[in-house]
């Protein structure tokens, strides 16, 4: 669970019950995304990445993940 509204932002385990956006991927897909072997847009179009809620928030996550690689 990434809380971008808290100060400072925080990351924790959570169910996402009150999340504005939920992203679902398999572990295999996540590893490929993290290694940059798979493009997030391609993963979404292929149904390997699912977004529920605010799509704008999901799109903001890309740059955050790219800095962690």
N, C-alpha and C. Protein backbone atom coordinates (compact mmCIF):
# COMPACT_ATOMS: atom_id res chain seq x y z
N UNK A 1 0.86 -1.17 0.00
CA UNK A 1 0.00 0.00 0.00
C UNK A 1 0.90 1.22 0.00
N UNK A 2 0.77 2.06 -1.01
CA UNK A 2 1.53 3.30 -1.09
C UNK A 2 0.60 4.44 -0.72
N UNK A 3 0.94 5.15 0.34
CA UNK A 3 0.14 6.28 0.79
C UNK A 3 0.84 7.56 0.38
N UNK A 4 0.38 8.14 -0.72
CA UNK A 4 0.96 9.37 -1.23
C UNK A 4 0.36 10.61 -0.60
N UNK A 5 -0.63 10.43 0.26
CA UNK A 5 -1.26 11.57 0.92
C UNK A 5 -0.64 11.88 2.27
N UNK A 6 0.05 10.88 2.86
CA UNK A 6 0.69 11.11 4.16
C UNK A 6 1.97 11.92 3.96
N UNK A 7 2.44 12.52 5.02
CA UNK A 7 3.68 13.30 4.94
C UNK A 7 4.61 12.84 6.04
N UNK A 8 5.71 12.19 5.73
CA UNK A 8 6.15 11.83 4.39
C UNK A 8 5.32 10.67 3.84
N UNK A 9 5.40 10.46 2.52
CA UNK A 9 4.70 9.32 1.91
C UNK A 9 5.19 8.04 2.55
N UNK A 10 4.34 7.01 2.55
CA UNK A 10 4.73 5.77 3.18
C UNK A 10 4.32 4.57 2.34
N UNK A 11 5.02 3.47 2.55
CA UNK A 11 4.74 2.21 1.89
C UNK A 11 4.59 1.15 2.97
N UNK A 12 3.51 0.37 2.90
CA UNK A 12 3.28 -0.66 3.91
C UNK A 12 2.45 -1.79 3.31
N UNK A 13 2.37 -2.89 4.05
CA UNK A 13 1.46 -3.96 3.65
C UNK A 13 0.05 -3.49 3.96
N UNK A 14 -0.88 -3.84 3.11
CA UNK A 14 -2.25 -3.43 3.34
C UNK A 14 -3.18 -4.07 2.33
N UNK A 15 -4.45 -4.00 2.62
CA UNK A 15 -5.45 -4.61 1.75
C UNK A 15 -5.92 -3.68 0.66
N UNK A 16 -5.72 -2.40 0.82
CA UNK A 16 -6.16 -1.44 -0.18
C UNK A 16 -7.65 -1.18 -0.13
N UNK A 17 -8.30 -1.52 0.99
CA UNK A 17 -9.74 -1.33 1.10
C UNK A 17 -10.16 0.10 0.82
N UNK A 18 -9.40 1.06 1.31
CA UNK A 18 -9.75 2.47 1.13
C UNK A 18 -8.88 3.14 0.08
N UNK A 19 -8.28 2.36 -0.79
CA UNK A 19 -7.37 2.90 -1.80
C UNK A 19 -8.14 3.62 -2.91
N UNK A 20 -7.55 4.68 -3.43
CA UNK A 20 -8.12 5.40 -4.57
C UNK A 20 -7.85 4.65 -5.86
N UNK A 21 -6.79 3.82 -5.86
CA UNK A 21 -6.41 3.07 -7.04
C UNK A 21 -5.76 1.76 -6.60
N UNK A 22 -6.13 0.68 -7.24
CA UNK A 22 -5.55 -0.62 -6.96
C UNK A 22 -5.00 -1.19 -8.26
N UNK A 23 -3.74 -1.66 -8.21
CA UNK A 23 -3.10 -2.25 -9.37
C UNK A 23 -2.81 -3.70 -9.06
N UNK A 24 -3.22 -4.59 -9.96
CA UNK A 24 -3.01 -6.01 -9.75
C UNK A 24 -2.14 -6.60 -10.85
N UNK A 25 -1.09 -7.33 -10.44
CA UNK A 25 -0.20 -8.03 -11.37
C UNK A 25 0.26 -9.32 -10.71
N UNK A 26 0.63 -10.29 -11.53
CA UNK A 26 1.22 -11.51 -10.99
C UNK A 26 2.67 -11.20 -10.60
N UNK A 27 3.26 -12.07 -9.79
CA UNK A 27 4.65 -11.88 -9.40
C UNK A 27 5.56 -11.90 -10.62
N UNK A 28 5.30 -12.81 -11.55
CA UNK A 28 6.09 -12.91 -12.77
C UNK A 28 6.05 -11.61 -13.57
N UNK A 29 4.86 -11.05 -13.73
CA UNK A 29 4.70 -9.80 -14.46
C UNK A 29 5.39 -8.66 -13.72
N UNK A 30 5.24 -8.61 -12.40
CA UNK A 30 5.89 -7.55 -11.62
C UNK A 30 7.41 -7.61 -11.78
N UNK A 31 7.96 -8.82 -11.74
CA UNK A 31 9.41 -8.96 -11.90
C UNK A 31 9.86 -8.48 -13.27
N UNK A 32 9.09 -8.79 -14.31
CA UNK A 32 9.43 -8.33 -15.66
C UNK A 32 9.33 -6.81 -15.76
N UNK A 33 8.33 -6.22 -15.11
CA UNK A 33 8.19 -4.77 -15.11
C UNK A 33 9.38 -4.14 -14.38
N UNK A 34 9.76 -4.70 -13.24
CA UNK A 34 10.87 -4.16 -12.45
C UNK A 34 12.20 -4.26 -13.20
N UNK A 35 12.37 -5.32 -13.97
CA UNK A 35 13.60 -5.51 -14.74
C UNK A 35 13.56 -4.77 -16.08
N UNK A 36 12.44 -4.11 -16.34
CA UNK A 36 12.20 -3.39 -17.60
C UNK A 36 12.21 -4.31 -18.81
N UNK A 37 11.81 -5.55 -18.58
CA UNK A 37 11.66 -6.51 -19.68
C UNK A 37 10.27 -6.42 -20.29
N UNK A 38 9.36 -5.73 -19.61
CA UNK A 38 7.99 -5.57 -20.06
C UNK A 38 7.56 -4.13 -19.83
N UNK A 39 6.98 -3.52 -20.83
CA UNK A 39 6.48 -2.15 -20.76
C UNK A 39 5.14 -2.14 -20.04
N UNK A 40 4.93 -1.23 -19.09
CA UNK A 40 3.66 -1.19 -18.36
C UNK A 40 2.44 -1.04 -19.26
N UNK A 41 2.55 -0.22 -20.31
CA UNK A 41 1.43 -0.04 -21.22
C UNK A 41 1.10 -1.34 -21.94
N UNK A 42 2.13 -2.05 -22.38
CA UNK A 42 1.92 -3.35 -23.04
C UNK A 42 1.29 -4.34 -22.08
N UNK A 43 1.77 -4.35 -20.84
CA UNK A 43 1.22 -5.26 -19.84
C UNK A 43 -0.27 -4.98 -19.63
N UNK A 44 -0.63 -3.71 -19.57
CA UNK A 44 -2.03 -3.33 -19.39
C UNK A 44 -2.86 -3.78 -20.59
N UNK A 45 -2.37 -3.51 -21.79
CA UNK A 45 -3.12 -3.85 -23.00
C UNK A 45 -3.26 -5.37 -23.16
N UNK A 46 -2.31 -6.14 -22.66
CA UNK A 46 -2.36 -7.60 -22.74
C UNK A 46 -3.16 -8.22 -21.61
N UNK A 47 -3.64 -7.38 -20.68
CA UNK A 47 -4.42 -7.89 -19.55
C UNK A 47 -3.57 -8.47 -18.44
N UNK A 48 -2.27 -8.21 -18.47
CA UNK A 48 -1.37 -8.73 -17.43
C UNK A 48 -1.28 -7.78 -16.24
N UNK A 49 -1.77 -6.56 -16.42
CA UNK A 49 -1.77 -5.55 -15.37
C UNK A 49 -3.19 -5.00 -15.32
N UNK A 50 -3.79 -5.04 -14.13
CA UNK A 50 -5.17 -4.58 -13.97
C UNK A 50 -5.21 -3.36 -13.07
N UNK A 51 -6.03 -2.39 -13.45
CA UNK A 51 -6.18 -1.16 -12.67
C UNK A 51 -7.64 -1.00 -12.29
N UNK A 52 -7.87 -0.79 -11.00
CA UNK A 52 -9.22 -0.49 -10.50
C UNK A 52 -9.15 0.85 -9.79
N UNK A 53 -10.03 1.75 -10.15
CA UNK A 53 -10.04 3.06 -9.51
C UNK A 53 -9.48 4.14 -10.42
N UNK A 54 -8.78 5.08 -9.83
CA UNK A 54 -8.29 6.27 -10.52
C UNK A 54 -7.12 5.94 -11.44
N UNK A 55 -7.37 5.93 -12.75
CA UNK A 55 -6.33 5.61 -13.74
C UNK A 55 -5.22 6.66 -13.73
N UNK A 56 -5.56 7.90 -13.44
CA UNK A 56 -4.55 8.96 -13.37
C UNK A 56 -3.51 8.68 -12.31
N UNK A 57 -3.94 8.15 -11.18
CA UNK A 57 -2.99 7.79 -10.12
C UNK A 57 -2.10 6.64 -10.56
N UNK A 58 -2.68 5.69 -11.25
CA UNK A 58 -1.90 4.54 -11.74
C UNK A 58 -0.81 5.02 -12.69
N UNK A 59 -1.11 5.99 -13.51
CA UNK A 59 -0.14 6.48 -14.48
C UNK A 59 1.00 7.23 -13.79
N UNK A 60 0.73 7.82 -12.63
CA UNK A 60 1.77 8.52 -11.88
C UNK A 60 2.75 7.56 -11.22
N UNK A 61 2.39 6.31 -11.08
CA UNK A 61 3.25 5.34 -10.42
C UNK A 61 4.43 4.92 -11.27
N UNK A 62 4.31 5.00 -12.58
CA UNK A 62 5.38 4.60 -13.49
C UNK A 62 6.72 5.24 -13.18
N UNK A 63 6.78 6.57 -13.12
CA UNK A 63 8.06 7.23 -12.80
C UNK A 63 8.61 6.85 -11.43
N UNK A 64 7.73 6.60 -10.48
CA UNK A 64 8.19 6.21 -9.14
C UNK A 64 8.89 4.86 -9.21
N UNK A 65 8.29 3.91 -9.92
CA UNK A 65 8.88 2.59 -10.03
C UNK A 65 10.17 2.60 -10.84
N UNK A 66 10.25 3.45 -11.85
CA UNK A 66 11.45 3.48 -12.69
C UNK A 66 12.66 3.98 -11.91
N UNK A 67 12.44 4.80 -10.89
CA UNK A 67 13.54 5.30 -10.06
C UNK A 67 14.03 4.23 -9.10
N UNK A 68 13.21 3.23 -8.83
CA UNK A 68 13.59 2.20 -7.88
C UNK A 68 14.40 1.09 -8.53
N UNK A 69 14.43 1.06 -9.85
CA UNK A 69 15.12 -0.02 -10.56
C UNK A 69 16.61 0.20 -10.63
